[in-house]
Structure formats: C-alpha cells, structure tokens
Amino acid sequence: MIVSVHFADVGLRAARDVLRSRPRPGSLPGLRHAQTALTGDIAAGLPRLRPGRAALIASWEDDDALDRFLADHPLARHFAPGRHVRLEPLGVRGAWSGMALAIAPDARPADDDEQVAVLTLGETRLRRLGPFLRANSLASGRAAADPAMTASVALARPPRFVGTFSLWSSLRAMTAYAYGDRRPEHRDTVAAHRARPFHHEAAFARFRPYAVAGTFGGHPSSGAAASA
C-alpha cells in the first residue's frame, strides 16, 4: 500500500465542498481510506489557520490506483493546482482504525541520514481538547523552530480530527526531536497522553517520501521527494 497527501489553496467556498466530498473505501478502485481537512501552520500556541487551504490524506493499494484518481475524479481537480506527496509506510506507533497502515515485508528501513515524512493523526476527546492544545503548544513551537523540519502543515476537521504532516531532513533529526533528552517537549506530550489520553485513538506514522508533484505556495516541484 501507499499513502498520498495533497494540499491546495482552493478558496473558502471550494474548501466546504472538499470537506463534504471525502470519498469512501469501495467508491474508488484501490482506495483504502480518505480524509479531507482544513490546514494551518504549526506554531507555538494554537495553529495559525489558512482559510481556503485544504488537504486530502488517502491510502491506496498502489500507485496505479492513485493515478486513476488523479486522472478523472472531481475531488482531484480541486487539488490539481497544488502539490501531492507519495509516501511509503515505514512504521507506526498507535493505531488508526480508518487507515490501517500495512508495512511491506520487503520495506527497506530508513537510513539515519535519509529524509522522512511523519503523519500524526488524532480523534480528539472533546473534553480533553483544552489540555491537548496546552500540552501540544510547547512541542509544536519546538518543531516549528527546528531547522531539520523542512515543511509542515497542521490538519483539522472539526469537531474531532486533528493531525500534522511534516517533512524532516533526516531520520536522525526527527528522532532527536521526538525522543531526545535535549528536546523533551514532544516526549512530555506523549507521556501526558499515555497518562490520560487526549484522543479516542491516535497514531504517529513514519514514511519514506518517494515522489512529489505540483506547486504549493508558489514553489514548483516534480520528481524526487528531496525537492519538496
């Protein structure tokens, strides 16, 4: 299986249409899961929302299934002016029932110096939303200030879905942020979630970005994911 993440500035009216147009598994050949969301900037405190900017996260049987979606699906046309990244699953902590990530038996582990992508996914307990935002603020601020995080987007689909997508210059740098003693903010947030969960379910998934296409924020890109 593969995962694709799509971003585009679609406008306020189209953003509402995108949120309503989430395709269901079985409605498209090869689609396993899809989630549409609004986006913002990862930062200390609350994420800075980007009105009119939308995202699609989807998992597919293979690249052919994604190619068919991009070629002729109405939702794909909303994202055509933006950018999409193709991802090979490498590992997951936690679980996300809507998108069970299958790691290929022959998947090559990421090298320490290899670029990696990370998806965090959460279905928030509404009573724990305030504590989650407070606990997550320091970790988000640290991530936003980390030069090894080369791109990032906050994701939300009210009232419960929250997530992030980020690209890191290396597995080593991402691991140092997430689990290192010198940067405990993310580790402390994880510990607080384990002690009293913020979410009904949550997952932290790591990927190898292997292709990127399109433009986003005025920056063209195609070919290898290193150019993202």
Protein backbone atom coordinates (compact mmCIF):
# COMPACT_ATOMS: atom_id res chain seq x y z
CA MET A 1 0.00 0.00 0.00
CA ILE A 2 0.95 3.67 -0.34
CA VAL A 3 -0.26 6.92 1.20
CA SER A 4 -0.72 10.24 -0.56
CA VAL A 5 -1.02 13.71 0.98
CA HIS A 6 -2.43 16.55 -1.12
CA PHE A 7 -2.54 20.32 -0.45
CA ALA A 8 -4.03 23.20 -2.41
CA ASP A 9 -5.35 26.72 -1.96
CA VAL A 10 -8.90 26.03 -3.13
CA GLY A 11 -10.77 29.07 -1.75
CA LEU A 12 -13.34 29.31 1.03
CA ARG A 13 -16.33 28.09 -0.97
CA ALA A 14 -14.47 25.15 -2.50
CA ALA A 15 -12.99 24.23 0.90
CA ARG A 16 -16.52 23.49 2.14
CA ASP A 17 -17.11 21.33 -0.92
CA VAL A 18 -13.85 19.46 -0.33
CA LEU A 19 -14.82 18.65 3.27
CA ARG A 20 -18.14 17.24 2.06
CA SER A 21 -16.56 15.27 -0.79
CA ARG A 22 -14.49 12.73 1.13
CA PRO A 23 -14.58 9.51 -0.92
CA ARG A 24 -15.39 6.27 0.89
CA PRO A 25 -13.49 2.97 0.56
CA GLY A 26 -15.16 0.95 -2.16
CA SER A 27 -16.27 4.03 -4.07
CA LEU A 28 -12.95 4.13 -5.95
CA PRO A 29 -10.89 1.15 -7.15
CA GLY A 30 -7.88 0.73 -4.90
CA LEU A 31 -8.89 3.33 -2.28
CA ARG A 32 -8.44 2.14 1.30
CA HIS A 33 -9.11 5.35 3.25
CA ALA A 34 -9.52 9.09 2.69
CA GLN A 35 -9.72 12.08 5.00
CA THR A 36 -10.25 15.69 3.94
CA ALA A 37 -9.22 18.51 6.25
CA LEU A 38 -8.56 22.20 6.67
CA THR A 39 -4.99 23.30 7.24
CA GLY A 40 -2.90 25.69 9.28
CA ASP A 41 0.69 26.46 10.20
CA ILE A 42 2.38 24.53 13.01
CA ALA A 43 3.44 27.06 15.66
CA ALA A 44 3.65 27.59 19.41
CA GLY A 45 0.17 28.08 20.79
CA LEU A 46 -2.81 27.46 18.55
CA PRO A 47 -2.11 26.53 14.90
CA ARG A 48 -2.48 29.52 12.57
CA LEU A 49 -5.35 28.58 10.28
CA ARG A 50 -5.11 29.06 6.50
CA PRO A 51 -8.65 29.87 5.30
CA GLY A 52 -9.32 28.34 1.92
CA ARG A 53 -6.42 25.89 2.04
CA ALA A 54 -7.43 22.22 2.09
CA ALA A 55 -5.77 18.84 2.44
CA LEU A 56 -6.51 15.25 1.47
CA ILE A 57 -4.87 12.26 3.14
CA ALA A 58 -5.52 8.92 1.44
CA SER A 59 -4.21 5.37 1.38
CA TRP A 60 -4.21 3.26 -1.78
CA GLU A 61 -3.50 -0.25 -2.92
CA ASP A 62 -0.77 1.05 -5.24
CA ASP A 63 0.37 3.94 -7.45
CA ASP A 64 -1.95 2.88 -10.28
CA ALA A 65 -4.98 3.46 -8.03
CA LEU A 66 -3.74 6.93 -7.13
CA ASP A 67 -3.02 7.72 -10.78
CA ARG A 68 -6.60 6.81 -11.75
CA PHE A 69 -7.94 9.12 -9.03
CA LEU A 70 -5.74 11.99 -10.20
CA ALA A 71 -6.77 11.49 -13.82
CA ASP A 72 -10.53 11.71 -13.59
CA HIS A 73 -12.03 12.20 -10.11
CA PRO A 74 -13.85 15.51 -9.38
CA LEU A 75 -12.16 15.85 -5.98
CA ALA A 76 -8.74 15.51 -7.61
CA ARG A 77 -9.50 18.56 -9.74
CA HIS A 78 -9.71 20.71 -6.59
CA PHE A 79 -6.17 19.66 -5.69
CA ALA A 80 -4.72 19.80 -9.21
CA PRO A 81 -3.27 23.34 -8.75
CA GLY A 82 -1.49 22.26 -5.55
CA ARG A 83 1.03 19.62 -4.58
CA HIS A 84 0.88 15.98 -3.62
CA VAL A 85 3.45 13.73 -1.97
CA ARG A 86 3.60 9.95 -2.28
CA LEU A 87 4.66 8.04 0.80
CA GLU A 88 5.89 4.53 1.55
CA PRO A 89 4.89 3.39 5.08
CA LEU A 90 7.86 2.50 7.29
CA GLY A 91 6.41 2.29 10.78
CA VAL A 92 3.56 3.31 13.06
CA ARG A 93 3.06 3.82 16.78
CA GLY A 94 -0.51 3.61 18.00
CA ALA A 95 -3.34 2.75 15.63
CA TRP A 96 -5.75 4.49 13.28
CA SER A 97 -8.76 2.32 12.52
CA GLY A 98 -9.71 4.26 9.40
CA MET A 99 -6.28 3.81 7.85
CA ALA A 100 -4.61 0.60 8.94
CA LEU A 101 -1.05 1.04 7.66
CA ALA A 102 0.43 -2.04 6.02
CA ILE A 103 4.23 -2.12 6.08
CA ALA A 104 5.54 -4.08 3.10
CA PRO A 105 7.54 -7.16 4.18
CA ASP A 106 10.42 -6.07 1.96
CA ALA A 107 10.32 -2.39 3.04
CA ARG A 108 13.85 -1.06 3.49
CA PRO A 109 14.31 0.72 6.84
CA ALA A 110 15.17 4.40 6.56
CA ASP A 111 18.84 5.30 6.86
CA ASP A 112 19.77 7.74 9.62
CA ASP A 113 20.57 10.43 7.05
CA GLU A 114 17.53 9.78 4.86
CA GLN A 115 14.65 12.25 4.54
CA VAL A 116 11.46 11.05 6.27
CA ALA A 117 7.86 12.22 6.48
CA VAL A 118 5.62 11.98 9.54
CA LEU A 119 1.84 11.94 9.88
CA THR A 120 0.22 12.35 13.30
CA LEU A 121 -3.48 11.52 13.49
CA GLY A 122 -5.86 12.01 16.39
CA GLU A 123 -9.60 11.64 17.07
CA THR A 124 -9.87 14.04 19.99
CA ARG A 125 -11.89 13.58 23.15
CA LEU A 126 -13.72 16.90 23.20
CA ARG A 127 -13.42 17.20 26.98
CA ARG A 128 -9.65 16.86 26.60
CA LEU A 129 -9.28 19.36 23.76
CA GLY A 130 -8.13 22.21 26.01
CA PRO A 131 -5.48 20.14 27.83
CA PHE A 132 -4.32 18.72 24.48
CA LEU A 133 -3.84 22.17 22.95
CA ARG A 134 -1.94 23.38 26.02
CA ALA A 135 0.30 20.30 26.15
CA ASN A 136 0.88 20.35 22.40
CA SER A 137 1.79 24.04 22.29
CA LEU A 138 5.37 23.65 23.50
CA ALA A 139 6.01 20.61 21.29
CA SER A 140 4.64 22.44 18.25
CA GLY A 141 6.73 25.51 18.98
CA ARG A 142 9.87 23.40 19.27
CA ALA A 143 9.09 21.62 15.98
CA ALA A 144 8.41 24.90 14.16
CA ALA A 145 11.78 26.25 15.30
CA ASP A 146 13.70 23.11 14.34
CA PRO A 147 15.65 23.68 11.09
CA ALA A 148 15.52 19.94 10.37
CA MET A 149 11.75 20.15 9.81
CA THR A 150 11.78 21.33 6.21
CA ALA A 151 7.98 21.50 5.66
CA SER A 152 4.93 21.14 7.88
CA VAL A 153 1.15 21.52 7.91
CA ALA A 154 -1.37 21.34 10.75
CA LEU A 155 -4.58 19.48 9.88
CA ALA A 156 -8.09 19.70 11.34
CA ARG A 157 -11.58 18.52 10.51
CA PRO A 158 -13.97 19.79 13.21
CA PRO A 159 -15.10 18.73 15.63
CA ARG A 160 -12.67 15.88 16.41
CA PHE A 161 -9.99 15.17 13.81
CA VAL A 162 -6.58 16.77 14.33
CA GLY A 163 -3.26 15.93 12.73
CA THR A 164 0.02 17.11 11.32
CA PHE A 165 2.15 16.37 8.28
CA SER A 166 5.86 17.14 8.34
CA LEU A 167 9.00 16.50 6.30
CA TRP A 168 12.33 16.10 8.09
CA SER A 169 15.78 16.37 6.60
CA SER A 170 16.82 13.07 8.22
CA LEU A 171 15.53 10.24 10.37
CA ARG A 172 18.21 11.10 12.91
CA ALA A 173 16.97 14.68 13.27
CA MET A 174 13.32 13.63 13.54
CA THR A 175 14.16 11.07 16.21
CA ALA A 176 16.16 13.64 18.18
CA TYR A 177 13.14 15.96 18.18
CA ALA A 178 10.61 13.28 19.06
CA TYR A 179 12.52 11.32 21.70
CA GLY A 180 15.78 13.10 22.54
CA ASP A 181 16.64 14.20 26.07
CA ARG A 182 17.70 17.67 24.90
CA ARG A 183 14.24 18.38 23.45
CA PRO A 184 11.71 16.88 25.88
CA GLU A 185 8.61 18.83 24.81
CA HIS A 186 7.29 16.20 22.39
CA ARG A 187 8.22 13.36 24.72
CA ASP A 188 6.41 15.09 27.60
CA THR A 189 3.28 15.49 25.46
CA VAL A 190 3.35 11.78 24.60
CA ALA A 191 3.72 10.92 28.30
CA ALA A 192 0.76 13.14 29.20
CA HIS A 193 -1.37 11.40 26.55
CA ARG A 194 -0.42 7.98 27.90
CA ALA A 195 -1.29 9.03 31.45
CA ARG A 196 -4.69 10.44 30.46
CA PRO A 197 -5.42 10.15 26.73
CA PHE A 198 -6.29 13.27 24.76
CA HIS A 199 -7.71 11.18 21.90
CA HIS A 200 -10.06 8.25 21.41
CA GLU A 201 -7.40 6.90 19.03
CA ALA A 202 -4.11 8.27 17.81
CA ALA A 203 -1.22 7.27 15.54
CA PHE A 204 2.29 8.51 14.80
CA ALA A 205 3.32 7.17 11.39
CA ARG A 206 6.67 7.42 9.63
CA PHE A 207 7.14 7.27 5.84
CA ARG A 208 9.68 7.43 3.06
CA PRO A 209 8.61 10.24 0.67
CA TYR A 210 9.42 8.93 -2.80
CA ALA A 211 7.69 11.34 -5.20
CA VAL A 212 6.26 14.84 -5.16
CA ALA A 213 4.46 16.74 -7.89
CA GLY A 214 2.78 20.08 -8.37
CA THR A 215 3.20 23.51 -6.83
CA PHE A 216 2.34 24.89 -3.42
CA GLY A 217 2.90 28.39 -2.13
CA GLY A 218 4.44 29.38 -5.44
CA HIS A 219 7.21 26.76 -5.38
CA PRO A 220 7.19 24.28 -8.31
CA SER A 221 8.27 20.70 -7.74
CA SER A 222 8.39 17.38 -9.53
CA GLY A 223 10.33 14.16 -9.38
CA ALA A 224 12.17 13.01 -6.28
CA ALA A 225 10.82 13.94 -2.88
CA ALA A 226 14.09 15.58 -1.94
CA SER A 227 12.94 18.62 -3.90
CA ALA A 228 9.93 19.06 -1.58
